[in-house]
Amino acid sequence: TLSRRGLLLGAASVIPAAGLAACSRGPAPLVTPTAVPTTD
């Protein structure tokens, strides 16, 4: 029955995100790419 799937799809969307384990150290700054011309 489509109603069963519809019920589950609608209800599950409000479930909170699962928690994350703590990292052992803080993040290091990332190297970010040099801007590439959009004309390429």
All heavy atoms as atom14 arrays in JSON, in Angstrom:
{
  "sequence": "TLSRRGLLLGAASVIPAAGLAACSRGPAPLVTPTAVPTTD",
  "atom14_mask": [
    [1, 1, 1, 1, 1, 1, 1, 0, 0, 0, 0, 0, 0, 0],
    [1, 1, 1, 1, 1, 1, 1, 1, 0, 0, 0, 0, 0, 0],
    [1, 1, 1, 1, 1, 1, 0, 0, 0, 0, 0, 0, 0, 0],
    [1, 1, 1, 1, 1, 1, 1, 1, 1, 1, 1, 0, 0, 0],
    [1, 1, 1, 1, 1, 1, 1, 1, 1, 1, 1, 0, 0, 0],
    [1, 1, 1, 1, 0, 0, 0, 0, 0, 0, 0, 0, 0, 0],
    [1, 1, 1, 1, 1, 1, 1, 1, 0, 0, 0, 0, 0, 0],
    [1, 1, 1, 1, 1, 1, 1, 1, 0, 0, 0, 0, 0, 0],
    [1, 1, 1, 1, 1, 1, 1, 1, 0, 0, 0, 0, 0, 0],
    [1, 1, 1, 1, 0, 0, 0, 0, 0, 0, 0, 0, 0, 0],
    [1, 1, 1, 1, 1, 0, 0, 0, 0, 0, 0, 0, 0, 0],
    [1, 1, 1, 1, 1, 0, 0, 0, 0, 0, 0, 0, 0, 0],
    [1, 1, 1, 1, 1, 1, 0, 0, 0, 0, 0, 0, 0, 0],
    [1, 1, 1, 1, 1, 1, 1, 0, 0, 0, 0, 0, 0, 0],
    [1, 1, 1, 1, 1, 1, 1, 1, 0, 0, 0, 0, 0, 0],
    [1, 1, 1, 1, 1, 1, 1, 0, 0, 0, 0, 0, 0, 0],
    [1, 1, 1, 1, 1, 0, 0, 0, 0, 0, 0, 0, 0, 0],
    [1, 1, 1, 1, 1, 0, 0, 0, 0, 0, 0, 0, 0, 0],
    [1, 1, 1, 1, 0, 0, 0, 0, 0, 0, 0, 0, 0, 0],
    [1, 1, 1, 1, 1, 1, 1, 1, 0, 0, 0, 0, 0, 0],
    [1, 1, 1, 1, 1, 0, 0, 0, 0, 0, 0, 0, 0, 0],
    [1, 1, 1, 1, 1, 0, 0, 0, 0, 0, 0, 0, 0, 0],
    [1, 1, 1, 1, 1, 1, 0, 0, 0, 0, 0, 0, 0, 0],
    [1, 1, 1, 1, 1, 1, 0, 0, 0, 0, 0, 0, 0, 0],
    [1, 1, 1, 1, 1, 1, 1, 1, 1, 1, 1, 0, 0, 0],
    [1, 1, 1, 1, 0, 0, 0, 0, 0, 0, 0, 0, 0, 0],
    [1, 1, 1, 1, 1, 1, 1, 0, 0, 0, 0, 0, 0, 0],
    [1, 1, 1, 1, 1, 0, 0, 0, 0, 0, 0, 0, 0, 0],
    [1, 1, 1, 1, 1, 1, 1, 0, 0, 0, 0, 0, 0, 0],
    [1, 1, 1, 1, 1, 1, 1, 1, 0, 0, 0, 0, 0, 0],
    [1, 1, 1, 1, 1, 1, 1, 0, 0, 0, 0, 0, 0, 0],
    [1, 1, 1, 1, 1, 1, 1, 0, 0, 0, 0, 0, 0, 0],
    [1, 1, 1, 1, 1, 1, 1, 0, 0, 0, 0, 0, 0, 0],
    [1, 1, 1, 1, 1, 1, 1, 0, 0, 0, 0, 0, 0, 0],
    [1, 1, 1, 1, 1, 0, 0, 0, 0, 0, 0, 0, 0, 0],
    [1, 1, 1, 1, 1, 1, 1, 0, 0, 0, 0, 0, 0, 0],
    [1, 1, 1, 1, 1, 1, 1, 0, 0, 0, 0, 0, 0, 0],
    [1, 1, 1, 1, 1, 1, 1, 0, 0, 0, 0, 0, 0, 0],
    [1, 1, 1, 1, 1, 1, 1, 0, 0, 0, 0, 0, 0, 0],
    [1, 1, 1, 1, 1, 1, 1, 1, 0, 0, 0, 0, 0, 0]
  ],
  "atom14_positions": [
    [[0.84, -1.19, 0.0], [0.0, 0.0, 0.0], [0.86, 1.23, 0.0], [1.79, 1.37, 0.78], [-0.9, 0.01, 1.25], [-0.08, 0.0, 2.41], [-1.84, -1.19, 1.26], [0.0, 0.0, 0.0], [0.0, 0.0, 0.0], [0.0, 0.0, 0.0], [0.0, 0.0, 0.0], [0.0, 0.0, 0.0], [0.0, 0.0, 0.0], [0.0, 0.0, 0.0]],
    [[0.55, 2.18, -0.9], [1.33, 3.41, -0.98], [1.15, 4.24, 0.27], [2.03, 4.98, 0.67], [0.9, 4.19, -2.22], [1.24, 3.53, -3.56], [0.72, 4.37, -4.71], [2.73, 3.32, -3.7], [0.0, 0.0, 0.0], [0.0, 0.0, 0.0], [0.0, 0.0, 0.0], [0.0, 0.0, 0.0], [0.0, 0.0, 0.0], [0.0, 0.0, 0.0]],
    [[0.0, 4.12, 0.92], [-0.22, 4.91, 2.13], [0.75, 4.54, 3.22], [1.18, 5.37, 4.01], [-1.65, 4.72, 2.63], [-1.9, 3.36, 2.88], [0.0, 0.0, 0.0], [0.0, 0.0, 0.0], [0.0, 0.0, 0.0], [0.0, 0.0, 0.0], [0.0, 0.0, 0.0], [0.0, 0.0, 0.0], [0.0, 0.0, 0.0], [0.0, 0.0, 0.0]],
    [[1.12, 3.28, 3.29], [2.09, 2.85, 4.3], [3.43, 3.55, 4.06], [4.03, 4.11, 4.95], [2.27, 1.34, 4.24], [3.41, 0.82, 5.11], [3.52, -0.68, 5.1], [2.4, -1.28, 5.79], [2.31, -2.59, 6.05], [3.26, -3.4, 5.65], [1.27, -3.08, 6.68], [0.0, 0.0, 0.0], [0.0, 0.0, 0.0], [0.0, 0.0, 0.0]],
    [[3.9, 3.54, 2.81], [5.16, 4.2, 2.51], [5.06, 5.7, 2.73], [5.96, 6.34, 3.23], [5.58, 3.9, 1.06], [6.12, 2.49, 0.9], [6.69, 2.28, -0.48], [7.45, 1.02, -0.51], [8.1, 0.59, -1.57], [8.1, 1.3, -2.67], [8.76, -0.55, -1.52], [0.0, 0.0, 0.0], [0.0, 0.0, 0.0], [0.0, 0.0, 0.0]],
    [[3.94, 6.27, 2.34], [3.77, 7.7, 2.53], [3.82, 8.08, 3.99], [4.41, 9.1, 4.37], [0.0, 0.0, 0.0], [0.0, 0.0, 0.0], [0.0, 0.0, 0.0], [0.0, 0.0, 0.0], [0.0, 0.0, 0.0], [0.0, 0.0, 0.0], [0.0, 0.0, 0.0], [0.0, 0.0, 0.0], [0.0, 0.0, 0.0], [0.0, 0.0, 0.0]],
    [[3.19, 7.28, 4.85], [3.21, 7.54, 6.28], [4.63, 7.51, 6.81], [5.06, 8.4, 7.56], [2.37, 6.48, 7.0], [2.44, 6.47, 8.53], [1.88, 7.78, 9.08], [1.66, 5.29, 9.09], [0.0, 0.0, 0.0], [0.0, 0.0, 0.0], [0.0, 0.0, 0.0], [0.0, 0.0, 0.0], [0.0, 0.0, 0.0], [0.0, 0.0, 0.0]],
    [[5.41, 6.51, 6.41], [6.78, 6.39, 6.9], [7.66, 7.5, 6.39], [8.49, 8.05, 7.12], [7.35, 5.03, 6.49], [6.7, 3.85, 7.21], [7.05, 2.56, 6.49], [7.13, 3.79, 8.66], [0.0, 0.0, 0.0], [0.0, 0.0, 0.0], [0.0, 0.0, 0.0], [0.0, 0.0, 0.0], [0.0, 0.0, 0.0], [0.0, 0.0, 0.0]],
    [[7.5, 7.89, 5.14], [8.3, 8.98, 4.58], [8.03, 10.27, 5.31], [8.93, 11.03, 5.64], [7.99, 9.15, 3.09], [8.63, 8.14, 2.15], [7.97, 8.21, 0.78], [10.12, 8.37, 2.03], [0.0, 0.0, 0.0], [0.0, 0.0, 0.0], [0.0, 0.0, 0.0], [0.0, 0.0, 0.0], [0.0, 0.0, 0.0], [0.0, 0.0, 0.0]],
    [[6.76, 10.54, 5.6], [6.42, 11.8, 6.26], [6.86, 11.84, 7.7], [7.4, 12.83, 8.19], [0.0, 0.0, 0.0], [0.0, 0.0, 0.0], [0.0, 0.0, 0.0], [0.0, 0.0, 0.0], [0.0, 0.0, 0.0], [0.0, 0.0, 0.0], [0.0, 0.0, 0.0], [0.0, 0.0, 0.0], [0.0, 0.0, 0.0], [0.0, 0.0, 0.0]],
    [[6.68, 10.74, 8.42], [6.99, 10.74, 9.85], [8.48, 10.78, 10.12], [8.94, 11.43, 11.05], [6.39, 9.48, 10.49], [0.0, 0.0, 0.0], [0.0, 0.0, 0.0], [0.0, 0.0, 0.0], [0.0, 0.0, 0.0], [0.0, 0.0, 0.0], [0.0, 0.0, 0.0], [0.0, 0.0, 0.0], [0.0, 0.0, 0.0], [0.0, 0.0, 0.0]],
    [[9.27, 10.09, 9.3], [10.7, 9.97, 9.58], [11.46, 11.26, 9.34], [12.57, 11.43, 9.83], [11.32, 8.86, 8.74], [0.0, 0.0, 0.0], [0.0, 0.0, 0.0], [0.0, 0.0, 0.0], [0.0, 0.0, 0.0], [0.0, 0.0, 0.0], [0.0, 0.0, 0.0], [0.0, 0.0, 0.0], [0.0, 0.0, 0.0], [0.0, 0.0, 0.0]],
    [[10.88, 12.19, 8.59], [11.62, 13.4, 8.25], [11.87, 14.29, 9.45], [12.68, 15.2, 9.38], [10.86, 14.18, 7.18], [9.61, 14.61, 7.66], [0.0, 0.0, 0.0], [0.0, 0.0, 0.0], [0.0, 0.0, 0.0], [0.0, 0.0, 0.0], [0.0, 0.0, 0.0], [0.0, 0.0, 0.0], [0.0, 0.0, 0.0], [0.0, 0.0, 0.0]],
    [[11.21, 14.04, 10.59], [11.41, 14.9, 11.76], [12.37, 14.27, 12.76], [12.6, 14.82, 13.82], [10.06, 15.19, 12.45], [9.13, 15.91, 11.5], [9.39, 13.91, 12.96], [0.0, 0.0, 0.0], [0.0, 0.0, 0.0], [0.0, 0.0, 0.0], [0.0, 0.0, 0.0], [0.0, 0.0, 0.0], [0.0, 0.0, 0.0], [0.0, 0.0, 0.0]],
    [[12.94, 13.11, 12.43], [13.88, 12.47, 13.35], [15.14, 13.31, 13.46], [15.71, 13.7, 12.45], [14.24, 11.06, 12.85], [12.97, 10.18, 12.84], [15.29, 10.42, 13.74], [13.2, 8.83, 12.21], [0.0, 0.0, 0.0], [0.0, 0.0, 0.0], [0.0, 0.0, 0.0], [0.0, 0.0, 0.0], [0.0, 0.0, 0.0], [0.0, 0.0, 0.0]],
    [[15.64, 13.61, 14.68], [16.84, 14.44, 14.8], [18.06, 13.7, 14.32], [18.12, 12.47, 14.31], [16.92, 14.72, 16.3], [16.18, 13.6, 16.94], [15.07, 13.24, 15.98], [0.0, 0.0, 0.0], [0.0, 0.0, 0.0], [0.0, 0.0, 0.0], [0.0, 0.0, 0.0], [0.0, 0.0, 0.0], [0.0, 0.0, 0.0], [0.0, 0.0, 0.0]],
    [[19.08, 14.46, 13.93], [20.34, 13.87, 13.47], [21.02, 13.13, 14.6], [20.98, 13.53, 15.76], [21.26, 14.97, 12.94], [0.0, 0.0, 0.0], [0.0, 0.0, 0.0], [0.0, 0.0, 0.0], [0.0, 0.0, 0.0], [0.0, 0.0, 0.0], [0.0, 0.0, 0.0], [0.0, 0.0, 0.0], [0.0, 0.0, 0.0], [0.0, 0.0, 0.0]],
    [[21.71, 12.03, 14.24], [22.48, 11.29, 15.24], [23.69, 12.1, 15.67], [24.27, 12.86, 14.9], [22.92, 9.95, 14.64], [0.0, 0.0, 0.0], [0.0, 0.0, 0.0], [0.0, 0.0, 0.0], [0.0, 0.0, 0.0], [0.0, 0.0, 0.0], [0.0, 0.0, 0.0], [0.0, 0.0, 0.0], [0.0, 0.0, 0.0], [0.0, 0.0, 0.0]],
    [[24.11, 11.93, 16.92], [25.26, 12.67, 17.43], [26.55, 12.14, 16.88], [26.66, 11.0, 16.43], [0.0, 0.0, 0.0], [0.0, 0.0, 0.0], [0.0, 0.0, 0.0], [0.0, 0.0, 0.0], [0.0, 0.0, 0.0], [0.0, 0.0, 0.0], [0.0, 0.0, 0.0], [0.0, 0.0, 0.0], [0.0, 0.0, 0.0], [0.0, 0.0, 0.0]],
    [[27.57, 12.98, 16.89], [28.89, 12.61, 16.4], [29.84, 12.4, 17.55], [29.79, 13.11, 18.55], [29.45, 13.71, 15.49], [28.71, 13.92, 14.17], [29.24, 15.16, 13.48], [28.89, 12.72, 13.28], [0.0, 0.0, 0.0], [0.0, 0.0, 0.0], [0.0, 0.0, 0.0], [0.0, 0.0, 0.0], [0.0, 0.0, 0.0], [0.0, 0.0, 0.0]],
    [[30.74, 11.44, 17.4], [31.77, 11.24, 18.4], [32.75, 12.41, 18.38], [33.01, 13.01, 17.35], [32.52, 9.93, 18.11], [0.0, 0.0, 0.0], [0.0, 0.0, 0.0], [0.0, 0.0, 0.0], [0.0, 0.0, 0.0], [0.0, 0.0, 0.0], [0.0, 0.0, 0.0], [0.0, 0.0, 0.0], [0.0, 0.0, 0.0], [0.0, 0.0, 0.0]],
    [[33.29, 12.73, 19.52], [34.24, 13.85, 19.6], [35.55, 13.48, 18.94], [36.03, 12.36, 19.02], [34.48, 14.2, 21.07], [0.0, 0.0, 0.0], [0.0, 0.0, 0.0], [0.0, 0.0, 0.0], [0.0, 0.0, 0.0], [0.0, 0.0, 0.0], [0.0, 0.0, 0.0], [0.0, 0.0, 0.0], [0.0, 0.0, 0.0], [0.0, 0.0, 0.0]],
    [[36.13, 14.45, 18.25], [37.44, 14.24, 17.62], [38.53, 14.45, 18.65], [38.37, 15.17, 19.63], [37.62, 15.22, 16.47], [36.38, 15.02, 15.17], [0.0, 0.0, 0.0], [0.0, 0.0, 0.0], [0.0, 0.0, 0.0], [0.0, 0.0, 0.0], [0.0, 0.0, 0.0], [0.0, 0.0, 0.0], [0.0, 0.0, 0.0], [0.0, 0.0, 0.0]],
    [[39.68, 13.85, 18.41], [40.77, 13.95, 19.37], [41.47, 15.29, 19.3], [42.17, 15.68, 20.22], [41.78, 12.81, 19.12], [42.27, 12.89, 17.79], [0.0, 0.0, 0.0], [0.0, 0.0, 0.0], [0.0, 0.0, 0.0], [0.0, 0.0, 0.0], [0.0, 0.0, 0.0], [0.0, 0.0, 0.0], [0.0, 0.0, 0.0], [0.0, 0.0, 0.0]],
    [[41.34, 16.02, 18.2], [41.94, 17.34, 18.09], [41.1, 18.18, 17.15], [40.25, 17.68, 16.43], [43.36, 17.23, 17.54], [43.48, 16.73, 16.11], [44.92, 16.85, 15.62], [45.07, 16.39, 14.26], [44.8, 17.13, 13.18], [44.31, 18.35, 13.32], [45.0, 16.65, 11.97], [0.0, 0.0, 0.0], [0.0, 0.0, 0.0], [0.0, 0.0, 0.0]],
    [[41.33, 19.46, 17.17], [40.58, 20.35, 16.32], [41.01, 20.23, 14.87], [42.09, 19.73, 14.57], [0.0, 0.0, 0.0], [0.0, 0.0, 0.0], [0.0, 0.0, 0.0], [0.0, 0.0, 0.0], [0.0, 0.0, 0.0], [0.0, 0.0, 0.0], [0.0, 0.0, 0.0], [0.0, 0.0, 0.0], [0.0, 0.0, 0.0], [0.0, 0.0, 0.0]],
    [[40.17, 20.71, 13.95], [40.49, 20.61, 12.53], [41.6, 21.57, 12.13], [41.71, 22.67, 12.67], [39.17, 20.99, 11.85], [38.47, 21.86, 12.85], [38.85, 21.31, 14.19], [0.0, 0.0, 0.0], [0.0, 0.0, 0.0], [0.0, 0.0, 0.0], [0.0, 0.0, 0.0], [0.0, 0.0, 0.0], [0.0, 0.0, 0.0], [0.0, 0.0, 0.0]],
    [[42.41, 21.15, 11.18], [43.43, 22.02, 10.62], [42.82, 22.79, 9.46], [41.89, 22.32, 8.81], [44.61, 21.19, 10.13], [0.0, 0.0, 0.0], [0.0, 0.0, 0.0], [0.0, 0.0, 0.0], [0.0, 0.0, 0.0], [0.0, 0.0, 0.0], [0.0, 0.0, 0.0], [0.0, 0.0, 0.0], [0.0, 0.0, 0.0], [0.0, 0.0, 0.0]],
    [[43.31, 24.01, 9.18], [42.79, 24.77, 8.03], [43.03, 24.01, 6.73], [44.1, 23.43, 6.53], [43.6, 26.07, 8.07], [44.13, 26.16, 9.47], [44.34, 24.75, 9.92], [0.0, 0.0, 0.0], [0.0, 0.0, 0.0], [0.0, 0.0, 0.0], [0.0, 0.0, 0.0], [0.0, 0.0, 0.0], [0.0, 0.0, 0.0], [0.0, 0.0, 0.0]],
    [[42.05, 24.0, 5.87], [42.18, 23.31, 4.6], [42.83, 24.21, 3.56], [42.62, 25.42, 3.54], [40.81, 22.88, 4.09], [40.1, 21.76, 4.84], [38.72, 21.54, 4.24], [40.91, 20.46, 4.81], [0.0, 0.0, 0.0], [0.0, 0.0, 0.0], [0.0, 0.0, 0.0], [0.0, 0.0, 0.0], [0.0, 0.0, 0.0], [0.0, 0.0, 0.0]],
    [[43.61, 23.58, 2.67], [44.08, 24.27, 1.47], [42.91, 24.35, 0.5], [42.28, 23.33, 0.19], [45.24, 23.5, 0.82], [45.66, 24.17, -0.48], [46.41, 23.39, 1.78], [0.0, 0.0, 0.0], [0.0, 0.0, 0.0], [0.0, 0.0, 0.0], [0.0, 0.0, 0.0], [0.0, 0.0, 0.0], [0.0, 0.0, 0.0], [0.0, 0.0, 0.0]],
    [[42.56, 25.55, 0.04], [41.45, 25.7, -0.88], [41.96, 26.01, -2.28], [43.02, 26.61, -2.45], [40.51, 26.83, -0.42], [41.26, 28.04, -0.29], [39.88, 26.48, 0.93], [0.0, 0.0, 0.0], [0.0, 0.0, 0.0], [0.0, 0.0, 0.0], [0.0, 0.0, 0.0], [0.0, 0.0, 0.0], [0.0, 0.0, 0.0], [0.0, 0.0, 0.0]],
    [[41.23, 25.59, -3.3], [41.71, 25.77, -4.67], [41.78, 27.24, -5.08], [41.0, 28.07, -4.6], [40.65, 25.04, -5.52], [39.92, 24.17, -4.57], [39.96, 24.85, -3.24], [0.0, 0.0, 0.0], [0.0, 0.0, 0.0], [0.0, 0.0, 0.0], [0.0, 0.0, 0.0], [0.0, 0.0, 0.0], [0.0, 0.0, 0.0], [0.0, 0.0, 0.0]],
    [[42.7, 27.54, -5.96], [42.75, 28.85, -6.59], [41.57, 28.99, -7.54], [41.18, 28.03, -8.21], [44.06, 29.01, -7.38], [45.16, 28.83, -6.49], [44.14, 30.38, -8.04], [0.0, 0.0, 0.0], [0.0, 0.0, 0.0], [0.0, 0.0, 0.0], [0.0, 0.0, 0.0], [0.0, 0.0, 0.0], [0.0, 0.0, 0.0], [0.0, 0.0, 0.0]],
    [[40.95, 30.15, -7.55], [39.8, 30.38, -8.41], [40.15, 30.1, -9.87], [41.2, 30.52, -10.36], [39.29, 31.8, -8.25], [0.0, 0.0, 0.0], [0.0, 0.0, 0.0], [0.0, 0.0, 0.0], [0.0, 0.0, 0.0], [0.0, 0.0, 0.0], [0.0, 0.0, 0.0], [0.0, 0.0, 0.0], [0.0, 0.0, 0.0], [0.0, 0.0, 0.0]],
    [[39.27, 29.36, -10.54], [39.46, 29.01, -11.95], [38.49, 29.86, -12.78], [37.31, 29.96, -12.45], [39.18, 27.52, -12.19], [39.41, 27.15, -13.64], [40.06, 26.67, -11.27], [0.0, 0.0, 0.0], [0.0, 0.0, 0.0], [0.0, 0.0, 0.0], [0.0, 0.0, 0.0], [0.0, 0.0, 0.0], [0.0, 0.0, 0.0], [0.0, 0.0, 0.0]],
    [[38.95, 30.48, -13.85], [38.05, 31.31, -14.67], [36.84, 30.51, -15.17], [36.98, 29.38, -15.65], [38.94, 31.74, -15.84], [40.33, 31.65, -15.32], [40.33, 30.5, -14.36], [0.0, 0.0, 0.0], [0.0, 0.0, 0.0], [0.0, 0.0, 0.0], [0.0, 0.0, 0.0], [0.0, 0.0, 0.0], [0.0, 0.0, 0.0], [0.0, 0.0, 0.0]],
    [[35.67, 31.08, -15.02], [34.46, 30.39, -15.46], [34.38, 30.32, -16.98], [33.52, 29.61, -17.52], [33.21, 31.11, -14.93], [33.24, 32.49, -15.36], [33.17, 31.06, -13.41], [0.0, 0.0, 0.0], [0.0, 0.0, 0.0], [0.0, 0.0, 0.0], [0.0, 0.0, 0.0], [0.0, 0.0, 0.0], [0.0, 0.0, 0.0], [0.0, 0.0, 0.0]],
    [[35.27, 31.02, -17.66], [35.32, 30.93, -19.12], [36.04, 29.68, -19.6], [35.95, 29.32, -20.77], [36.02, 32.17, -19.7], [37.31, 32.32, -19.09], [35.19, 33.43, -19.45], [0.0, 0.0, 0.0], [0.0, 0.0, 0.0], [0.0, 0.0, 0.0], [0.0, 0.0, 0.0], [0.0, 0.0, 0.0], [0.0, 0.0, 0.0], [0.0, 0.0, 0.0]],
    [[36.76, 29.02, -18.69], [37.43, 27.77, -19.05], [36.4, 26.67, -19.29], [35.3, 26.7, -18.72], [38.38, 27.33, -17.94], [39.62, 28.2, -17.84], [39.72, 29.17, -18.63], [40.47, 27.92, -16.99], [0.0, 0.0, 0.0], [0.0, 0.0, 0.0], [0.0, 0.0, 0.0], [0.0, 0.0, 0.0], [0.0, 0.0, 0.0], [0.0, 0.0, 0.0]]
  ]
}
